[in-house]
Amino acid sequence: FQSGVKADPRLLQQEVKRRAK
């Protein structure tokens, strides 16, 4: 996930919202 965070920080936020549920 760390690698994707730098490449697509927005994508990470979307995944966090799904996990938040």
Protein backbone atom coordinates (compact mmCIF):
# COMPACT_ATOMS: atom_id res chain seq x y z
CA PHE A 1 0.00 0.00 0.00
CA GLN A 2 2.88 2.37 0.73
CA SER A 3 3.98 2.10 -2.91
CA GLY A 4 0.47 2.97 -4.16
CA VAL A 5 0.12 5.84 -1.70
CA LYS A 6 2.89 7.79 -3.41
CA ALA A 7 1.63 6.80 -6.87
CA ASP A 8 -2.10 7.43 -6.14
CA PRO A 9 -2.88 9.01 -2.77
CA ARG A 10 -6.52 9.37 -3.86
CA LEU A 11 -6.79 5.65 -4.51
CA LEU A 12 -5.63 4.96 -0.98
CA GLN A 13 -8.29 7.28 0.44
CA GLN A 14 -10.97 5.35 -1.46
CA GLU A 15 -9.74 2.07 -0.02
CA VAL A 16 -9.68 3.57 3.49
CA LYS A 17 -13.31 4.64 3.12
CA ARG A 18 -14.26 1.06 2.14
CA ARG A 19 -12.34 -0.35 5.14
CA ALA A 20 -13.84 2.29 7.43
CA LYS A 21 -17.23 0.65 6.90
